[in-house]
Amino acid sequence: MTVLAITTFYFLAPVWWLVVASTKPAGHQFSGSGLWFDGFALFENIALVFEAHDGIFGRWMLNSVFYAGTAALFGTVISAMAGYAIAKYEFRGRGVVFGAILAAVLIPKIMFTLPLFLMFNQVGLLNTPFAMLLPSVVSPFGVYLARVFASQAVPDELIEAGRLDGAGEFRIFRSVSARIMAPALVTIFLFQFVEVWNNYLLPAMVLNDTSLQPVVVGLAGWSASQGQIPAGTVVVAAFLSILPLVVAFLCLQRFWRAGLTAGAIK
């Protein structure tokens, strides 16, 4: 119990400090009691964040929502179809394909950043949203999770019944299998959304235009601005940047909890 309490404090203390610091008056984020409230100026601080640099923070947040939401949506669809096909269809080279997907899961994505930069530079996609979206819609872990869930949760008899009723393969997937796979699909969506939202290196390399950058890259620039943006403003902006993730997890938690146990029980 003691170890659990210490671990919980270790992970929650920085978040709690961020919440408390965001409510303190401007310029007092690093003074007084670090882990307790000292005045309440949250709304004034939020106004300062959205006024800084002509309101660029709002643009960064919209960019992040667009990149993460679009990549997570298309990535979930691709992962669902690929994982379902590997789980339910017999074809030559299926084991090799699945082995390649497992290998891709083990390779850190940071290793692909430089090759992607060189490729996009050759085809003229640097400083465009496609440079961020194209690599982000592919999720080897999502394909793996979809494959595991489909193999365990979608009965072969149900697919055969759909075929006997005259339904095509895509209609069976869309109307029957995808509904059963919903918990796994929500989990894939959340993981993909969080991964793209927190991705720093790829957009930092392929997006030099400030108006196209996501909030993670923008905040890093503010933090390194050598005092041009007050440190307290950066703290409040960091607090605002995590709110969409919290909202997403709270709204979809009943689905992703079930998805996390996909394949654990046969």
Protein backbone atom coordinates (compact mmCIF):
# COMPACT_ATOMS: atom_id res chain seq x y z
CA MET A 1 0.00 0.00 0.00
CA THR A 2 2.85 2.37 0.82
CA VAL A 3 4.49 1.71 -2.53
CA LEU A 4 1.19 2.38 -4.34
CA ALA A 5 0.73 5.63 -2.41
CA ILE A 6 4.25 6.81 -3.25
CA THR A 7 3.81 5.88 -6.91
CA THR A 8 0.47 7.68 -7.10
CA PHE A 9 1.96 10.81 -5.56
CA TYR A 10 4.94 10.62 -7.93
CA PHE A 11 2.69 10.66 -10.99
CA LEU A 12 -0.02 13.04 -9.75
CA ALA A 13 2.15 15.68 -8.04
CA PRO A 14 3.30 17.34 -11.33
CA VAL A 15 -0.27 17.43 -12.62
CA TRP A 16 -1.51 18.89 -9.35
CA TRP A 17 1.24 21.51 -9.41
CA LEU A 18 0.28 22.45 -12.97
CA VAL A 19 -3.36 22.91 -11.96
CA VAL A 20 -2.45 24.99 -8.89
CA ALA A 21 0.10 27.13 -10.74
CA SER A 22 -2.43 27.87 -13.50
CA THR A 23 -4.80 29.46 -10.97
CA LYS A 24 -2.22 31.80 -9.40
CA PRO A 25 -2.01 35.45 -10.46
CA ALA A 26 0.34 36.22 -13.35
CA GLY A 27 3.96 36.33 -12.23
CA HIS A 28 3.32 34.31 -9.06
CA GLN A 29 3.29 30.80 -10.52
CA PHE A 30 6.67 29.99 -8.98
CA SER A 31 6.24 31.80 -5.67
CA GLY A 32 4.56 30.86 -2.42
CA SER A 33 3.39 27.33 -1.73
CA GLY A 34 4.06 25.29 -4.84
CA LEU A 35 1.40 22.66 -4.19
CA TRP A 36 -1.38 24.83 -2.80
CA PHE A 37 -3.54 27.64 -4.06
CA ASP A 38 -2.58 31.28 -3.59
CA GLY A 39 -5.33 33.43 -5.09
CA PHE A 40 -7.48 32.57 -8.11
CA ALA A 41 -6.76 34.19 -11.46
CA LEU A 42 -7.33 31.30 -13.83
CA PHE A 43 -9.58 33.14 -16.25
CA GLU A 44 -7.26 36.15 -16.38
CA ASN A 45 -4.34 33.82 -17.09
CA ILE A 46 -6.28 32.10 -19.87
CA ALA A 47 -7.00 35.48 -21.44
CA LEU A 48 -3.27 36.31 -21.36
CA VAL A 49 -2.47 33.01 -23.10
CA PHE A 50 -4.89 33.66 -25.95
CA GLU A 51 -3.68 37.27 -26.32
CA ALA A 52 0.03 36.35 -26.59
CA HIS A 53 1.53 36.65 -30.08
CA ASP A 54 -1.77 37.75 -31.62
CA GLY A 55 -3.65 34.70 -30.39
CA ILE A 56 -1.41 32.08 -31.98
CA PHE A 57 -2.14 29.63 -29.15
CA GLY A 58 -5.71 29.19 -30.34
CA ARG A 59 -4.41 28.35 -33.81
CA TRP A 60 -2.00 25.81 -32.34
CA MET A 61 -4.80 24.13 -30.42
CA LEU A 62 -6.97 23.91 -33.54
CA ASN A 63 -4.03 22.49 -35.47
CA SER A 64 -3.50 19.81 -32.83
CA VAL A 65 -7.19 18.90 -32.80
CA PHE A 66 -7.17 18.65 -36.59
CA TYR A 67 -3.97 16.60 -36.82
CA ALA A 68 -4.76 14.28 -33.92
CA GLY A 69 -8.46 13.88 -34.74
CA THR A 70 -7.96 13.27 -38.46
CA ALA A 71 -5.03 10.88 -37.99
CA ALA A 72 -6.81 8.98 -35.22
CA LEU A 73 -10.00 8.63 -37.26
CA PHE A 74 -8.36 7.40 -40.45
CA GLY A 75 -5.79 5.40 -38.49
CA THR A 76 -8.56 3.59 -36.62
CA VAL A 77 -10.37 2.70 -39.84
CA ILE A 78 -7.18 1.42 -41.48
CA SER A 79 -6.17 -0.54 -38.37
CA ALA A 80 -9.63 -2.07 -38.03
CA MET A 81 -9.77 -3.27 -41.63
CA ALA A 82 -6.18 -4.54 -41.65
CA GLY A 83 -6.46 -6.31 -38.29
CA TYR A 84 -9.81 -7.85 -39.22
CA ALA A 85 -8.45 -9.11 -42.55
CA ILE A 86 -5.40 -10.71 -40.90
CA ALA A 87 -7.57 -12.35 -38.24
CA LYS A 88 -10.40 -13.68 -40.40
CA TYR A 89 -9.05 -14.33 -43.89
CA GLU A 90 -6.62 -16.99 -45.05
CA PHE A 91 -4.15 -15.72 -47.64
CA ARG A 92 -0.60 -16.43 -48.67
CA GLY A 93 1.95 -14.58 -46.60
CA ARG A 94 -0.41 -13.77 -43.74
CA GLY A 95 2.14 -14.82 -41.13
CA VAL A 96 4.85 -12.74 -42.79
CA VAL A 97 2.60 -9.68 -42.87
CA PHE A 98 1.68 -10.06 -39.21
CA GLY A 99 5.35 -10.59 -38.30
CA ALA A 100 6.26 -7.37 -40.11
CA ILE A 101 3.56 -5.53 -38.16
CA LEU A 102 4.93 -6.87 -34.87
CA ALA A 103 8.42 -5.77 -35.91
CA ALA A 104 7.09 -2.29 -36.68
CA VAL A 105 5.57 -2.12 -33.20
CA LEU A 106 9.01 -2.76 -31.68
CA ILE A 107 10.83 -0.12 -33.75
CA PRO A 108 10.73 3.39 -32.17
CA LYS A 109 8.96 5.85 -34.43
CA ILE A 110 11.68 8.40 -33.82
CA MET A 111 13.89 6.36 -36.16
CA PHE A 112 11.56 7.12 -39.07
CA THR A 113 11.61 10.88 -38.59
CA LEU A 114 14.76 11.69 -40.58
CA PRO A 115 13.84 9.41 -43.54
CA LEU A 116 10.37 10.95 -43.60
CA PHE A 117 11.88 14.44 -43.62
CA LEU A 118 14.10 13.56 -46.57
CA MET A 119 11.23 11.94 -48.46
CA PHE A 120 8.86 14.86 -47.92
CA ASN A 121 11.59 17.29 -48.91
CA GLN A 122 12.02 15.46 -52.22
CA VAL A 123 8.29 15.48 -53.07
CA GLY A 124 7.63 19.04 -51.83
CA LEU A 125 5.38 18.20 -48.85
CA LEU A 126 7.36 20.04 -46.19
CA ASN A 127 5.37 22.78 -44.45
CA THR A 128 2.06 21.20 -45.43
CA PRO A 129 -0.48 19.37 -43.24
CA PHE A 130 0.16 16.20 -45.27
CA ALA A 131 3.68 15.99 -43.84
CA MET A 132 2.10 15.54 -40.42
CA LEU A 133 -0.94 13.47 -41.41
CA LEU A 134 0.48 10.88 -43.80
CA PRO A 135 2.88 9.22 -41.30
CA SER A 136 0.35 9.51 -38.47
CA VAL A 137 -2.51 7.50 -40.00
CA VAL A 138 -0.45 4.29 -39.83
CA SER A 139 -0.53 2.52 -36.47
CA PRO A 140 1.12 -0.93 -36.28
CA PHE A 141 -0.02 -1.28 -32.67
CA GLY A 142 -3.57 -0.45 -33.75
CA VAL A 143 -3.45 -3.20 -36.39
CA TYR A 144 -2.13 -5.63 -33.78
CA LEU A 145 -4.84 -4.75 -31.28
CA ALA A 146 -7.57 -4.97 -33.92
CA ARG A 147 -6.28 -8.36 -35.04
CA VAL A 148 -6.26 -9.73 -31.48
CA PHE A 149 -9.73 -8.42 -30.70
CA ALA A 150 -11.23 -9.59 -34.01
CA SER A 151 -9.83 -13.10 -33.62
CA GLN A 152 -11.28 -13.43 -30.12
CA ALA A 153 -14.51 -11.45 -30.24
CA VAL A 154 -15.91 -11.92 -33.76
CA PRO A 155 -17.28 -15.47 -34.19
CA ASP A 156 -16.60 -17.15 -37.52
CA GLU A 157 -20.16 -18.49 -37.43
CA LEU A 158 -21.50 -14.94 -37.49
CA ILE A 159 -19.49 -14.15 -40.60
CA GLU A 160 -20.69 -17.34 -42.29
CA ALA A 161 -24.28 -16.45 -41.42
CA GLY A 162 -23.84 -13.08 -43.08
CA ARG A 163 -22.47 -14.73 -46.21
CA LEU A 164 -25.42 -17.16 -46.32
CA ASP A 165 -27.77 -14.17 -46.14
CA GLY A 166 -26.10 -12.74 -49.23
CA ALA A 167 -24.14 -9.93 -47.57
CA GLY A 168 -20.81 -8.92 -49.08
CA GLU A 169 -17.57 -9.02 -47.14
CA PHE A 170 -17.41 -5.27 -46.63
CA ARG A 171 -21.03 -5.12 -45.50
CA ILE A 172 -20.38 -7.91 -42.99
CA PHE A 173 -17.40 -5.99 -41.66
CA ARG A 174 -19.22 -2.66 -41.54
CA SER A 175 -22.56 -3.84 -40.15
CA VAL A 176 -21.56 -6.76 -37.94
CA SER A 177 -17.87 -7.07 -37.13
CA ALA A 178 -17.13 -3.37 -36.63
CA ARG A 179 -19.95 -3.12 -34.08
CA ILE A 180 -18.54 -6.02 -32.09
CA MET A 181 -15.05 -4.53 -32.31
CA ALA A 182 -16.24 -1.12 -31.04
CA PRO A 183 -14.38 -1.26 -27.66
CA ALA A 184 -11.09 -2.04 -29.41
CA LEU A 185 -11.68 0.64 -32.04
CA VAL A 186 -12.26 3.30 -29.39
CA THR A 187 -9.06 2.21 -27.65
CA ILE A 188 -7.12 2.43 -30.92
CA PHE A 189 -8.61 5.88 -31.54
CA LEU A 190 -7.57 7.12 -28.10
CA PHE A 191 -4.04 5.74 -28.32
CA GLN A 192 -3.59 7.21 -31.78
CA PHE A 193 -5.07 10.56 -30.73
CA VAL A 194 -2.75 10.85 -27.73
CA GLU A 195 0.30 9.75 -29.72
CA VAL A 196 -0.25 12.32 -32.46
CA TRP A 197 -1.17 15.06 -29.97
CA ASN A 198 2.06 14.51 -28.01
CA ASN A 199 4.29 14.00 -31.04
CA TYR A 200 7.00 16.66 -31.03
CA LEU A 201 9.93 15.61 -33.22
CA LEU A 202 8.07 14.97 -36.48
CA PRO A 203 6.13 18.27 -36.64
CA ALA A 204 9.18 20.17 -35.38
CA MET A 205 11.15 18.92 -38.38
CA VAL A 206 8.54 19.07 -41.16
CA LEU A 207 6.56 22.18 -40.14
CA ASN A 208 8.58 25.40 -40.03
CA ASP A 209 5.56 27.63 -40.52
CA THR A 210 4.42 28.73 -37.07
CA SER A 211 0.78 28.88 -38.14
CA LEU A 212 0.86 25.17 -39.06
CA GLN A 213 2.54 23.88 -35.92
CA PRO A 214 0.68 21.88 -33.25
CA VAL A 215 0.49 23.08 -29.67
CA VAL A 216 3.34 20.86 -28.43
CA VAL A 217 5.83 22.42 -30.83
CA GLY A 218 4.46 25.91 -30.22
CA LEU A 219 4.83 25.61 -26.44
CA ALA A 220 8.40 24.37 -26.84
CA GLY A 221 9.12 27.50 -28.86
CA TRP A 222 7.55 29.70 -26.21
CA SER A 223 9.56 27.97 -23.50
CA ALA A 224 12.79 28.62 -25.42
CA SER A 225 11.93 32.24 -26.24
CA GLN A 226 14.33 33.56 -23.56
CA GLY A 227 11.73 35.54 -21.66
CA GLN A 228 9.76 36.94 -24.60
CA ILE A 229 6.78 34.94 -23.28
CA PRO A 230 6.44 34.95 -19.45
CA ALA A 231 7.06 31.56 -17.87
CA GLY A 232 3.71 31.77 -16.09
CA THR A 233 1.92 32.12 -19.42
CA VAL A 234 3.70 29.01 -20.71
CA VAL A 235 2.57 27.09 -17.60
CA VAL A 236 -1.07 28.04 -18.12
CA ALA A 237 -0.83 27.20 -21.81
CA ALA A 238 0.57 23.77 -20.91
CA PHE A 239 -2.39 23.23 -18.58
CA LEU A 240 -4.84 24.13 -21.35
CA SER A 241 -3.06 21.84 -23.81
CA ILE A 242 -3.80 18.71 -21.76
CA LEU A 243 -7.50 19.41 -21.28
CA PRO A 244 -8.61 17.87 -24.63
CA LEU A 245 -6.84 14.64 -23.69
CA VAL A 246 -8.55 14.54 -20.31
CA VAL A 247 -11.94 15.18 -21.89
CA ALA A 248 -11.38 12.47 -24.49
CA PHE A 249 -10.46 9.88 -21.88
CA LEU A 250 -13.37 10.77 -19.60
CA CYS A 251 -15.91 10.65 -22.43
CA LEU A 252 -14.69 7.34 -23.87
CA GLN A 253 -13.43 5.55 -20.75
CA ARG A 254 -16.18 2.93 -20.65
CA PHE A 255 -15.15 1.83 -24.15
CA TRP A 256 -11.37 1.87 -23.83
CA ARG A 257 -11.42 -0.02 -20.53
CA ALA A 258 -13.10 -2.89 -22.33
CA GLY A 259 -10.71 -2.52 -25.25
CA LEU A 260 -7.64 -2.78 -23.03
CA THR A 261 -8.73 -6.28 -21.97
CA ALA A 262 -9.20 -7.38 -25.60
CA GLY A 263 -7.82 -10.86 -26.02
CA ALA A 264 -7.08 -11.31 -22.32
CA ILE A 265 -9.95 -13.78 -21.94
CA LYS A 266 -10.89 -16.18 -24.65
